[in-house]
Amino acid sequence: MNFNSLKRKIFFWIEKLQISRKERLAFTAMLILLFMLLLLNFWMQSAFNYDQERYDGIVAEFEKRSAIIVQQEKELEQKYNPNFTVSETQIPDTEPVEDEPATDDETLPVVSIININTATSAELQTLDGIGPVYAARIIEYRKLNNGFDSIDELINVKGIGEKRLENIRPYIKLKD
């Protein structure tokens, strides 16, 4: 059986199916696309091999950066709440106990939540990242706009961006 007779039989078979030329072209294009996708799938599966050494390096870098972040969080917590000491393994077994009122013989400063509508410049400067210039801008904005309606309104103060606002958000409030 030569190539021409095979070709005639294929065309004869296609003619028996009564497939139009456009349908044959669409079917051929779909077969070519399927073949290309199969080749791409095979190539992608063989290209992404698992390398344990590389994985271990990534895990080590992740653990290193995580430890740095945990240390920074502990430093911030210690800065804003010096009385707070919790070990990593300590898990509370009981209901949290309310803090007792401060006595006169306690010398450690207690960080409180500041009302941005009534705070003085000195009180605002106790917030992380707020110095005398930012405190003055906050007070000026507060005077011009009759106070703050929401904490997010601090974004309108020149120099206070999303990151600075997120850093001070836990330590500010609007009402007493």
N, C-alpha and C. Protein backbone atom coordinates (compact mmCIF):
# COMPACT_ATOMS: atom_id res chain seq x y z
N MET A 1 0.86 -1.17 0.00
CA MET A 1 0.00 0.00 0.00
C MET A 1 0.90 1.23 0.00
N ASN A 2 0.73 2.04 -1.01
CA ASN A 2 1.57 3.23 -1.09
C ASN A 2 0.85 4.44 -0.47
N PHE A 3 1.59 5.54 -0.45
CA PHE A 3 1.09 6.75 0.23
C PHE A 3 -0.16 7.31 -0.45
N ASN A 4 -0.23 7.30 -1.77
CA ASN A 4 -1.38 7.85 -2.49
C ASN A 4 -2.65 7.06 -2.22
N SER A 5 -2.55 5.76 -2.17
CA SER A 5 -3.76 4.97 -1.91
C SER A 5 -4.24 5.19 -0.47
N LEU A 6 -3.28 5.33 0.45
CA LEU A 6 -3.65 5.63 1.85
C LEU A 6 -4.34 6.99 1.94
N LYS A 7 -3.81 7.93 1.21
CA LYS A 7 -4.39 9.27 1.19
C LYS A 7 -5.81 9.23 0.63
N ARG A 8 -6.04 8.45 -0.45
CA ARG A 8 -7.37 8.35 -1.04
C ARG A 8 -8.37 7.73 -0.07
N LYS A 9 -7.91 6.71 0.65
CA LYS A 9 -8.80 6.06 1.61
C LYS A 9 -9.19 7.01 2.74
N ILE A 10 -8.25 7.81 3.20
CA ILE A 10 -8.57 8.78 4.27
C ILE A 10 -9.57 9.81 3.75
N PHE A 11 -9.32 10.35 2.55
CA PHE A 11 -10.25 11.33 2.00
C PHE A 11 -11.62 10.71 1.74
N PHE A 12 -11.66 9.46 1.26
CA PHE A 12 -12.91 8.77 1.03
C PHE A 12 -13.68 8.61 2.35
N TRP A 13 -12.94 8.23 3.41
CA TRP A 13 -13.57 8.05 4.72
C TRP A 13 -14.12 9.38 5.23
N ILE A 14 -13.37 10.46 5.07
CA ILE A 14 -13.82 11.79 5.50
C ILE A 14 -15.05 12.20 4.69
N GLU A 15 -15.08 11.92 3.39
CA GLU A 15 -16.23 12.25 2.56
C GLU A 15 -17.47 11.47 2.99
N LYS A 16 -17.30 10.22 3.43
CA LYS A 16 -18.43 9.43 3.91
C LYS A 16 -19.05 10.06 5.15
N LEU A 17 -18.20 10.72 5.98
CA LEU A 17 -18.71 11.38 7.18
C LEU A 17 -19.44 12.68 6.86
N GLN A 18 -19.29 13.16 5.65
CA GLN A 18 -19.93 14.39 5.17
C GLN A 18 -19.53 15.59 6.05
N ILE A 19 -18.22 15.74 6.22
CA ILE A 19 -17.66 16.85 7.00
C ILE A 19 -17.24 17.93 6.01
N SER A 20 -17.64 19.16 6.30
CA SER A 20 -17.28 20.26 5.39
C SER A 20 -15.81 20.63 5.56
N ARG A 21 -15.31 21.43 4.62
CA ARG A 21 -13.91 21.84 4.66
C ARG A 21 -13.61 22.64 5.93
N LYS A 22 -14.49 23.56 6.34
CA LYS A 22 -14.29 24.37 7.54
C LYS A 22 -14.25 23.49 8.80
N GLU A 23 -15.11 22.47 8.81
CA GLU A 23 -15.11 21.56 9.96
C GLU A 23 -13.81 20.76 10.02
N ARG A 24 -13.30 20.34 8.85
CA ARG A 24 -12.03 19.62 8.81
C ARG A 24 -10.89 20.51 9.31
N LEU A 25 -10.87 21.76 8.90
CA LEU A 25 -9.82 22.68 9.34
C LEU A 25 -9.91 22.93 10.85
N ALA A 26 -11.12 23.09 11.37
CA ALA A 26 -11.29 23.31 12.80
C ALA A 26 -10.84 22.09 13.59
N PHE A 27 -11.19 20.90 13.09
CA PHE A 27 -10.79 19.66 13.75
C PHE A 27 -9.27 19.50 13.72
N THR A 28 -8.65 19.81 12.61
CA THR A 28 -7.20 19.72 12.50
C THR A 28 -6.52 20.71 13.44
N ALA A 29 -7.06 21.92 13.51
CA ALA A 29 -6.49 22.93 14.42
C ALA A 29 -6.60 22.48 15.87
N MET A 30 -7.73 21.87 16.20
CA MET A 30 -7.90 21.40 17.58
C MET A 30 -6.93 20.26 17.89
N LEU A 31 -6.70 19.37 16.94
CA LEU A 31 -5.73 18.29 17.14
C LEU A 31 -4.33 18.84 17.32
N ILE A 32 -3.96 19.83 16.53
CA ILE A 32 -2.63 20.44 16.65
C ILE A 32 -2.50 21.12 18.01
N LEU A 33 -3.54 21.83 18.44
CA LEU A 33 -3.52 22.50 19.74
C LEU A 33 -3.41 21.47 20.88
N LEU A 34 -4.14 20.38 20.77
CA LEU A 34 -4.07 19.32 21.77
C LEU A 34 -2.66 18.74 21.84
N PHE A 35 -2.06 18.50 20.71
CA PHE A 35 -0.71 17.97 20.67
C PHE A 35 0.28 18.94 21.31
N MET A 36 0.14 20.22 21.01
CA MET A 36 1.03 21.23 21.59
C MET A 36 0.86 21.31 23.11
N LEU A 37 -0.37 21.23 23.58
CA LEU A 37 -0.62 21.25 25.02
C LEU A 37 -0.03 20.03 25.72
N LEU A 38 -0.11 18.89 25.08
CA LEU A 38 0.49 17.68 25.64
C LEU A 38 2.01 17.82 25.73
N LEU A 39 2.62 18.37 24.69
CA LEU A 39 4.06 18.60 24.73
C LEU A 39 4.43 19.61 25.82
N LEU A 40 3.66 20.65 25.94
CA LEU A 40 3.91 21.67 26.97
C LEU A 40 3.76 21.07 28.36
N ASN A 41 2.75 20.24 28.55
CA ASN A 41 2.55 19.58 29.83
C ASN A 41 3.72 18.67 30.17
N PHE A 42 4.18 17.91 29.20
CA PHE A 42 5.32 17.03 29.43
C PHE A 42 6.56 17.84 29.77
N TRP A 43 6.80 18.93 29.04
CA TRP A 43 7.96 19.78 29.29
C TRP A 43 7.90 20.41 30.67
N MET A 44 6.73 20.89 31.08
CA MET A 44 6.60 21.55 32.38
C MET A 44 6.78 20.55 33.52
N GLN A 45 6.28 19.35 33.38
CA GLN A 45 6.43 18.36 34.43
C GLN A 45 7.89 17.96 34.59
N SER A 46 8.61 17.86 33.53
CA SER A 46 10.01 17.46 33.64
C SER A 46 10.89 18.64 34.05
N ALA A 47 10.45 19.87 33.85
CA ALA A 47 11.27 21.04 34.17
C ALA A 47 11.24 21.37 35.66
N PHE A 48 10.20 21.03 36.38
CA PHE A 48 10.08 21.40 37.78
C PHE A 48 10.39 20.20 38.67
N ASN A 49 11.65 19.95 38.83
CA ASN A 49 12.07 18.86 39.71
C ASN A 49 12.19 19.37 41.13
N TYR A 50 11.97 18.50 42.07
CA TYR A 50 12.06 18.83 43.48
C TYR A 50 13.52 18.77 43.90
N ASP A 51 14.04 19.87 44.44
CA ASP A 51 15.42 19.94 44.89
C ASP A 51 15.43 20.19 46.39
N GLN A 52 15.76 19.19 47.18
CA GLN A 52 15.70 19.27 48.64
C GLN A 52 16.62 20.35 49.19
N GLU A 53 17.80 20.52 48.63
CA GLU A 53 18.75 21.52 49.13
C GLU A 53 18.20 22.93 48.96
N ARG A 54 17.61 23.18 47.81
CA ARG A 54 17.02 24.51 47.56
C ARG A 54 15.85 24.75 48.51
N TYR A 55 15.03 23.73 48.70
CA TYR A 55 13.90 23.82 49.61
C TYR A 55 14.37 24.10 51.03
N ASP A 56 15.41 23.40 51.47
CA ASP A 56 15.95 23.62 52.82
C ASP A 56 16.47 25.04 52.98
N GLY A 57 17.09 25.58 51.94
CA GLY A 57 17.57 26.96 51.99
C GLY A 57 16.43 27.95 52.13
N ILE A 58 15.35 27.71 51.41
CA ILE A 58 14.19 28.60 51.49
C ILE A 58 13.56 28.53 52.88
N VAL A 59 13.44 27.32 53.43
CA VAL A 59 12.88 27.15 54.77
C VAL A 59 13.76 27.83 55.81
N ALA A 60 15.07 27.70 55.68
CA ALA A 60 15.99 28.34 56.63
C ALA A 60 15.86 29.85 56.58
N GLU A 61 15.75 30.41 55.37
CA GLU A 61 15.58 31.87 55.23
C GLU A 61 14.25 32.32 55.82
N PHE A 62 13.19 31.53 55.61
CA PHE A 62 11.89 31.85 56.18
C PHE A 62 11.95 31.86 57.71
N GLU A 63 12.56 30.85 58.29
CA GLU A 63 12.67 30.78 59.75
C GLU A 63 13.51 31.92 60.30
N LYS A 64 14.58 32.29 59.60
CA LYS A 64 15.43 33.40 60.04
C LYS A 64 14.64 34.70 60.04
N ARG A 65 13.91 34.98 58.95
CA ARG A 65 13.13 36.21 58.86
C ARG A 65 11.98 36.21 59.87
N SER A 66 11.38 35.05 60.08
CA SER A 66 10.30 34.95 61.08
C SER A 66 10.82 35.25 62.47
N ALA A 67 12.01 34.77 62.80
CA ALA A 67 12.60 35.03 64.11
C ALA A 67 12.89 36.53 64.28
N ILE A 68 13.34 37.18 63.22
CA ILE A 68 13.59 38.63 63.28
C ILE A 68 12.29 39.38 63.54
N ILE A 69 11.22 38.99 62.86
CA ILE A 69 9.92 39.65 63.03
C ILE A 69 9.40 39.44 64.44
N VAL A 70 9.51 38.23 64.96
CA VAL A 70 9.06 37.95 66.32
C VAL A 70 9.85 38.80 67.32
N GLN A 71 11.16 38.94 67.11
CA GLN A 71 11.98 39.75 68.00
C GLN A 71 11.56 41.22 67.94
N GLN A 72 11.27 41.72 66.74
CA GLN A 72 10.83 43.11 66.60
C GLN A 72 9.49 43.32 67.29
N GLU A 73 8.58 42.36 67.18
CA GLU A 73 7.29 42.47 67.85
C GLU A 73 7.45 42.48 69.36
N LYS A 74 8.36 41.66 69.86
CA LYS A 74 8.62 41.64 71.31
C LYS A 74 9.19 42.98 71.77
N GLU A 75 10.10 43.56 70.98
CA GLU A 75 10.67 44.85 71.34
C GLU A 75 9.60 45.94 71.36
N LEU A 76 8.70 45.92 70.36
CA LEU A 76 7.61 46.90 70.35
C LEU A 76 6.68 46.71 71.54
N GLU A 77 6.34 45.47 71.83
CA GLU A 77 5.47 45.19 72.97
C GLU A 77 6.12 45.65 74.26
N GLN A 78 7.41 45.41 74.39
CA GLN A 78 8.13 45.83 75.60
C GLN A 78 8.18 47.36 75.67
N LYS A 79 8.30 48.01 74.52
CA LYS A 79 8.36 49.48 74.49
C LYS A 79 7.04 50.09 74.95
N TYR A 80 5.93 49.54 74.46
CA TYR A 80 4.62 50.12 74.77
C TYR A 80 3.96 49.52 75.99
N ASN A 81 4.40 48.37 76.42
CA ASN A 81 3.83 47.74 77.60
C ASN A 81 4.94 47.04 78.36
N PRO A 82 5.74 47.80 79.13
CA PRO A 82 6.91 47.21 79.78
C PRO A 82 6.56 46.13 80.80
N ASN A 83 5.34 46.12 81.34
CA ASN A 83 4.95 45.12 82.34
C ASN A 83 4.60 43.79 81.71
N PHE A 84 4.50 43.73 80.40
CA PHE A 84 4.06 42.54 79.69
C PHE A 84 5.24 41.61 79.45
N THR A 85 5.18 40.41 80.02
CA THR A 85 6.20 39.40 79.77
C THR A 85 5.52 38.06 79.60
N VAL A 86 5.64 37.50 78.43
CA VAL A 86 5.05 36.19 78.15
C VAL A 86 6.09 35.37 77.42
N SER A 87 6.32 34.17 77.89
CA SER A 87 7.23 33.29 77.18
C SER A 87 6.48 32.68 76.00
N GLU A 88 7.23 32.17 75.04
CA GLU A 88 6.59 31.61 73.85
C GLU A 88 5.79 30.36 74.16
N THR A 89 6.15 29.66 75.23
CA THR A 89 5.46 28.41 75.54
C THR A 89 4.32 28.61 76.54
N GLN A 90 4.17 29.81 77.06
CA GLN A 90 3.15 30.05 78.08
C GLN A 90 1.78 30.17 77.43
N ILE A 91 0.84 29.40 77.93
CA ILE A 91 -0.53 29.42 77.42
C ILE A 91 -1.44 29.67 78.61
N PRO A 92 -2.30 30.68 78.55
CA PRO A 92 -3.15 30.96 79.70
C PRO A 92 -4.17 29.84 79.92
N ASP A 93 -4.28 29.40 81.19
CA ASP A 93 -5.23 28.35 81.53
C ASP A 93 -6.53 28.90 82.08
N THR A 94 -6.52 30.13 82.54
CA THR A 94 -7.70 30.71 83.17
C THR A 94 -8.14 31.95 82.42
N GLU A 95 -9.24 32.50 82.88
CA GLU A 95 -9.74 33.74 82.30
C GLU A 95 -8.75 34.86 82.58
N PRO A 96 -8.61 35.84 81.67
CA PRO A 96 -7.69 36.94 81.94
C PRO A 96 -8.15 37.77 83.14
N VAL A 97 -7.19 38.17 83.95
CA VAL A 97 -7.47 38.95 85.15
C VAL A 97 -7.30 40.42 84.81
N GLU A 98 -8.23 41.25 85.24
CA GLU A 98 -8.13 42.67 84.97
C GLU A 98 -6.95 43.25 85.74
N ASP A 99 -6.28 44.24 85.13
CA ASP A 99 -5.13 44.86 85.77
C ASP A 99 -5.57 45.62 87.01
N GLU A 100 -4.72 45.53 88.02
CA GLU A 100 -4.99 46.29 89.24
C GLU A 100 -4.60 47.74 89.03
N PRO A 101 -5.24 48.68 89.71
CA PRO A 101 -4.86 50.08 89.54
C PRO A 101 -3.42 50.30 89.98
N ALA A 102 -2.74 51.23 89.32
CA ALA A 102 -1.34 51.49 89.62
C ALA A 102 -1.20 52.14 90.99
N THR A 103 -0.16 51.73 91.70
CA THR A 103 0.12 52.32 93.00
C THR A 103 1.21 53.36 92.86
N ASP A 104 1.42 54.14 93.92
CA ASP A 104 2.39 55.22 93.87
C ASP A 104 3.82 54.70 93.77
N ASP A 105 4.10 53.51 94.28
CA ASP A 105 5.47 53.04 94.28
C ASP A 105 5.88 52.38 92.96
N GLU A 106 4.98 52.28 91.99
CA GLU A 106 5.34 51.76 90.68
C GLU A 106 6.01 52.88 89.89
N THR A 107 7.20 52.62 89.38
CA THR A 107 7.94 53.65 88.66
C THR A 107 7.91 53.44 87.14
N LEU A 108 7.45 52.30 86.67
CA LEU A 108 7.41 52.06 85.24
C LEU A 108 6.25 52.82 84.61
N PRO A 109 6.48 53.45 83.46
CA PRO A 109 5.39 54.18 82.81
C PRO A 109 4.36 53.22 82.25
N VAL A 110 3.11 53.61 82.32
CA VAL A 110 2.02 52.80 81.79
C VAL A 110 1.56 53.46 80.49
N VAL A 111 1.58 52.70 79.42
CA VAL A 111 1.17 53.22 78.14
C VAL A 111 -0.35 53.15 78.07
N SER A 112 -0.96 54.27 77.78
CA SER A 112 -2.41 54.30 77.69
C SER A 112 -2.83 54.64 76.27
N ILE A 113 -4.08 54.45 76.00
CA ILE A 113 -4.62 54.79 74.69
C ILE A 113 -4.96 56.28 74.71
N ILE A 114 -4.55 56.97 73.67
CA ILE A 114 -4.66 58.43 73.62
C ILE A 114 -5.85 58.83 72.75
N ASN A 115 -6.63 59.78 73.26
CA ASN A 115 -7.74 60.35 72.49
C ASN A 115 -7.15 61.43 71.59
N ILE A 116 -7.22 61.22 70.27
CA ILE A 116 -6.60 62.18 69.35
C ILE A 116 -7.38 63.49 69.26
N ASN A 117 -8.60 63.53 69.75
CA ASN A 117 -9.38 64.77 69.72
C ASN A 117 -9.09 65.67 70.93
N THR A 118 -8.44 65.12 71.96
CA THR A 118 -8.17 65.93 73.15
C THR A 118 -6.70 65.89 73.57
N ALA A 119 -5.87 65.11 72.92
CA ALA A 119 -4.49 64.91 73.35
C ALA A 119 -3.65 66.17 73.15
N THR A 120 -2.73 66.37 74.08
CA THR A 120 -1.78 67.47 73.96
C THR A 120 -0.63 67.03 73.06
N SER A 121 0.22 67.99 72.73
CA SER A 121 1.37 67.67 71.89
C SER A 121 2.26 66.63 72.56
N ALA A 122 2.47 66.78 73.86
CA ALA A 122 3.32 65.83 74.59
C ALA A 122 2.72 64.43 74.59
N GLU A 123 1.41 64.33 74.73
CA GLU A 123 0.76 63.01 74.70
C GLU A 123 0.87 62.38 73.32
N LEU A 124 0.70 63.18 72.27
CA LEU A 124 0.80 62.65 70.91
C LEU A 124 2.22 62.17 70.61
N GLN A 125 3.21 62.82 71.20
CA GLN A 125 4.59 62.45 70.94
C GLN A 125 4.97 61.13 71.61
N THR A 126 4.15 60.62 72.48
CA THR A 126 4.44 59.30 73.07
C THR A 126 4.14 58.18 72.08
N LEU A 127 3.41 58.49 71.01
CA LEU A 127 3.12 57.48 69.98
C LEU A 127 4.37 57.24 69.13
N ASP A 128 4.56 56.01 68.71
CA ASP A 128 5.71 55.64 67.90
C ASP A 128 5.65 56.34 66.55
N GLY A 129 6.71 57.08 66.20
CA GLY A 129 6.78 57.75 64.91
C GLY A 129 6.16 59.13 64.89
N ILE A 130 5.65 59.61 66.02
CA ILE A 130 5.05 60.94 66.09
C ILE A 130 5.97 61.82 66.93
N GLY A 131 6.58 62.79 66.27
CA GLY A 131 7.45 63.74 66.95
C GLY A 131 6.74 65.08 67.10
N PRO A 132 7.46 66.13 67.46
CA PRO A 132 6.84 67.43 67.67
C PRO A 132 6.20 68.01 66.41
N VAL A 133 6.81 67.77 65.25
CA VAL A 133 6.26 68.31 64.00
C VAL A 133 4.93 67.64 63.66
N TYR A 134 4.90 66.30 63.73
CA TYR A 134 3.65 65.59 63.44
C TYR A 134 2.58 65.91 64.48
N ALA A 135 2.98 66.03 65.73
CA ALA A 135 2.00 66.37 66.78
C ALA A 135 1.39 67.74 66.48
N ALA A 136 2.21 68.70 66.08
CA ALA A 136 1.70 70.03 65.74
C ALA A 136 0.75 69.96 64.55
N ARG A 137 1.09 69.15 63.56
CA ARG A 137 0.22 69.01 62.37
C ARG A 137 -1.12 68.38 62.75
N ILE A 138 -1.08 67.39 63.63
CA ILE A 138 -2.32 66.74 64.07
C ILE A 138 -3.20 67.74 64.80
N ILE A 139 -2.61 68.50 65.70
CA ILE A 139 -3.38 69.50 66.46
C ILE A 139 -3.93 70.57 65.53
N GLU A 140 -3.14 71.02 64.55
CA GLU A 140 -3.61 72.04 63.60
C GLU A 140 -4.78 71.50 62.78
N TYR A 141 -4.65 70.27 62.28
CA TYR A 141 -5.73 69.66 61.51
C TYR A 141 -6.99 69.52 62.37
N ARG A 142 -6.80 69.13 63.63
CA ARG A 142 -7.92 68.95 64.55
C ARG A 142 -8.65 70.27 64.76
N LYS A 143 -7.90 71.38 64.90
CA LYS A 143 -8.52 72.69 65.10
C LYS A 143 -9.27 73.15 63.86
N LEU A 144 -8.68 72.95 62.69
CA LEU A 144 -9.30 73.40 61.44
C LEU A 144 -10.55 72.61 61.09
N ASN A 145 -10.63 71.35 61.49
CA ASN A 145 -11.74 70.48 61.08
C ASN A 145 -12.65 70.09 62.24
N ASN A 146 -12.57 70.79 63.36
CA ASN A 146 -13.41 70.50 64.53
C ASN A 146 -13.26 69.06 65.01
N GLY A 147 -12.02 68.58 65.04
CA GLY A 147 -11.76 67.24 65.55
C GLY A 147 -11.81 66.19 64.46
N PHE A 148 -11.52 64.98 64.86
CA PHE A 148 -11.50 63.84 63.95
C PHE A 148 -12.80 63.06 64.11
N ASP A 149 -13.39 62.70 62.97
CA ASP A 149 -14.60 61.88 62.98
C ASP A 149 -14.26 60.39 62.95
N SER A 150 -13.10 60.06 62.40
CA SER A 150 -12.66 58.66 62.38
C SER A 150 -11.14 58.63 62.48
N ILE A 151 -10.62 57.51 62.90
CA ILE A 151 -9.17 57.37 63.02
C ILE A 151 -8.52 57.42 61.64
N ASP A 152 -9.22 56.91 60.63
CA ASP A 152 -8.68 56.92 59.27
C ASP A 152 -8.47 58.33 58.74
N GLU A 153 -9.09 59.31 59.34
CA GLU A 153 -8.95 60.70 58.91
C GLU A 153 -7.53 61.23 59.16
N LEU A 154 -6.76 60.53 59.98
CA LEU A 154 -5.36 60.92 60.22
C LEU A 154 -4.53 60.87 58.94
N ILE A 155 -4.98 60.11 57.95
CA ILE A 155 -4.29 60.05 56.66
C ILE A 155 -4.21 61.43 56.03
N ASN A 156 -5.19 62.29 56.32
CA ASN A 156 -5.22 63.63 55.74
C ASN A 156 -4.17 64.55 56.33
N VAL A 157 -3.56 64.18 57.43
CA VAL A 157 -2.50 64.99 58.04
C VAL A 157 -1.23 64.75 57.24
N LYS A 158 -0.57 65.84 56.84
CA LYS A 158 0.63 65.74 56.00
C LYS A 158 1.71 64.90 56.70
N GLY A 159 2.22 63.91 55.98
CA GLY A 159 3.30 63.07 56.49
C GLY A 159 2.84 61.78 57.15
N ILE A 160 1.55 61.65 57.42
CA ILE A 160 1.06 60.41 58.03
C ILE A 160 0.47 59.55 56.92
N GLY A 161 1.11 58.44 56.69
CA GLY A 161 0.67 57.52 55.64
C GLY A 161 0.03 56.28 56.25
N GLU A 162 -0.27 55.33 55.37
CA GLU A 162 -0.92 54.09 55.80
C GLU A 162 -0.09 53.34 56.84
N LYS A 163 1.22 53.24 56.60
CA LYS A 163 2.07 52.45 57.49
C LYS A 163 2.14 53.09 58.88
N ARG A 164 2.36 54.40 58.93
CA ARG A 164 2.45 55.08 60.23
C ARG A 164 1.11 54.99 60.96
N LEU A 165 0.01 55.13 60.21
CA LEU A 165 -1.32 55.04 60.83
C LEU A 165 -1.53 53.64 61.41
N GLU A 166 -1.15 52.61 60.67
CA GLU A 166 -1.33 51.24 61.18
C GLU A 166 -0.47 50.98 62.41
N ASN A 167 0.69 51.64 62.50
CA ASN A 167 1.55 51.46 63.68
C ASN A 167 0.96 52.10 64.93
N ILE A 168 0.26 53.23 64.77
CA ILE A 168 -0.27 53.93 65.95
C ILE A 168 -1.74 53.64 66.21
N ARG A 169 -2.42 53.00 65.27
CA ARG A 169 -3.86 52.75 65.40
C ARG A 169 -4.24 52.07 66.72
N PRO A 170 -3.51 51.06 67.21
CA PRO A 170 -3.91 50.39 68.46
C PRO A 170 -3.81 51.30 69.69
N TYR A 171 -3.10 52.41 69.56
CA TYR A 171 -2.84 53.25 70.72
C TYR A 171 -3.61 54.57 70.70
N ILE A 172 -4.57 54.71 69.77
CA ILE A 172 -5.37 55.94 69.70
C ILE A 172 -6.85 55.60 69.71
N LYS A 173 -7.63 56.58 70.14
CA LYS A 173 -9.09 56.44 70.13
C LYS A 173 -9.68 57.81 69.83
N LEU A 174 -11.01 57.84 69.62
CA LEU A 174 -11.69 59.09 69.29
C LEU A 174 -12.43 59.70 70.48
N LYS A 175 -13.00 58.85 71.32
CA LYS A 175 -13.81 59.34 72.43
C LYS A 175 -13.28 58.77 73.74
N ASP A 176 -13.60 59.47 74.85
CA ASP A 176 -13.15 58.99 76.16
C ASP A 176 -13.97 57.87 76.70
